[in-house]
Amino acid sequence: MEAIGIGYSIALISVVIAYGLSEGKSKNRKYKVWGIALMLPISPALAFSIGLTYSAIIGNAWAGLIMFYICPIIFLIGLIMLLVGIFKKVEAI
């Protein structure tokens, strides 16, 4: 049960850091920061914690393998956000 808390803590700390780095920045910068944050620290930590939590609730150790589906989905969302931040045109006002 301690590992679940560590995973959620890593995800929460990563969210706070990403929010701090993107506050007051342009939209492209925000997309880049949040994309990288989702891909690297948040995706594996959150998938691990959700998988272990689900496994504990169900009572089957094999149910924890749901993390192998959650991690790539969150990673792809982060990758899409990063690519939007890189390739989106800056709007002229």
Protein backbone atom coordinates (compact mmCIF):
# COMPACT_ATOMS: atom_id res chain seq x y z
CA MET A 1 0.00 0.00 0.00
CA GLU A 2 2.95 2.33 0.48
CA ALA A 3 3.92 2.00 -3.18
CA ILE A 4 0.49 3.24 -4.23
CA GLY A 5 0.94 6.42 -2.19
CA ILE A 6 4.41 6.99 -3.60
CA GLY A 7 3.07 6.74 -7.16
CA TYR A 8 0.27 9.19 -6.46
CA SER A 9 2.74 11.50 -4.71
CA ILE A 10 5.08 11.51 -7.70
CA ALA A 11 2.17 12.31 -10.02
CA LEU A 12 0.93 15.09 -7.73
CA ILE A 13 4.38 16.66 -7.34
CA SER A 14 4.85 16.51 -11.12
CA VAL A 15 1.52 18.27 -11.66
CA VAL A 16 2.49 21.03 -9.21
CA ILE A 17 5.89 21.51 -10.90
CA ALA A 18 4.35 21.53 -14.40
CA TYR A 19 1.76 24.07 -13.27
CA GLY A 20 4.49 26.26 -11.84
CA LEU A 21 6.55 26.07 -15.03
CA SER A 22 3.60 26.87 -17.29
CA GLU A 23 1.95 29.63 -15.27
CA GLY A 24 1.96 32.93 -17.15
CA LYS A 25 3.51 31.46 -20.31
CA SER A 26 2.22 31.31 -23.89
CA LYS A 27 -0.15 28.59 -25.04
CA ASN A 28 2.57 26.84 -27.03
CA ARG A 29 4.85 26.80 -24.00
CA LYS A 30 2.03 25.40 -21.84
CA TYR A 31 1.38 22.62 -24.35
CA LYS A 32 5.07 21.75 -24.40
CA VAL A 33 5.46 21.74 -20.61
CA TRP A 34 2.31 19.71 -19.98
CA GLY A 35 3.11 17.30 -22.82
CA ILE A 36 6.54 16.53 -21.40
CA ALA A 37 5.14 16.33 -17.87
CA LEU A 38 2.46 13.88 -18.93
CA MET A 39 4.87 11.72 -20.90
CA LEU A 40 7.74 11.38 -18.46
CA PRO A 41 6.83 11.58 -14.76
CA ILE A 42 3.02 11.52 -14.65
CA SER A 43 2.17 8.70 -17.07
CA PRO A 44 4.14 5.84 -15.47
CA ALA A 45 3.53 6.92 -11.87
CA LEU A 46 -0.21 7.38 -12.36
CA ALA A 47 -0.59 4.15 -14.34
CA PHE A 48 1.33 2.22 -11.67
CA SER A 49 -0.79 3.64 -8.85
CA ILE A 50 -4.09 3.17 -10.64
CA GLY A 51 -3.14 -0.39 -11.56
CA LEU A 52 -2.21 -1.30 -8.00
CA THR A 53 -5.31 0.40 -6.59
CA TYR A 54 -7.55 -1.47 -9.02
CA SER A 55 -5.76 -4.72 -8.21
CA ALA A 56 -6.28 -4.18 -4.48
CA ILE A 57 -9.96 -3.37 -4.94
CA ILE A 58 -10.64 -6.38 -7.17
CA GLY A 59 -8.45 -8.69 -5.10
CA ASN A 60 -6.71 -10.21 -8.10
CA ALA A 61 -3.02 -9.55 -8.69
CA TRP A 62 -3.41 -9.96 -12.45
CA ALA A 63 -5.87 -7.06 -12.54
CA GLY A 64 -2.92 -4.74 -11.91
CA LEU A 65 -1.82 -5.31 -15.49
CA ILE A 66 -4.32 -2.63 -16.47
CA MET A 67 -1.36 -0.29 -16.01
CA PHE A 68 0.02 -1.56 -19.32
CA TYR A 69 -3.03 -0.07 -21.02
CA ILE A 70 -3.21 3.15 -19.01
CA CYS A 71 0.43 4.21 -19.40
CA PRO A 72 0.51 4.28 -23.24
CA ILE A 73 -2.82 6.13 -23.38
CA ILE A 74 -1.62 8.89 -21.05
CA PHE A 75 1.75 8.91 -22.86
CA LEU A 76 0.05 9.42 -26.23
CA ILE A 77 -2.05 12.27 -24.84
CA GLY A 78 1.18 13.89 -23.64
CA LEU A 79 2.86 13.30 -27.00
CA ILE A 80 -0.06 14.92 -28.82
CA MET A 81 0.09 17.92 -26.48
CA LEU A 82 3.84 18.24 -27.06
CA LEU A 83 3.44 18.06 -30.83
CA VAL A 84 0.65 20.66 -30.74
CA GLY A 85 2.94 22.93 -28.75
CA ILE A 86 5.78 22.46 -31.23
CA PHE A 87 3.90 22.72 -34.51
CA LYS A 88 1.01 25.09 -33.73
CA LYS A 89 1.41 28.47 -35.36
CA VAL A 90 1.69 31.49 -33.09
CA GLU A 91 -1.38 33.64 -33.54
CA ALA A 92 -0.72 37.26 -34.52
CA ILE A 93 -2.83 39.78 -32.68
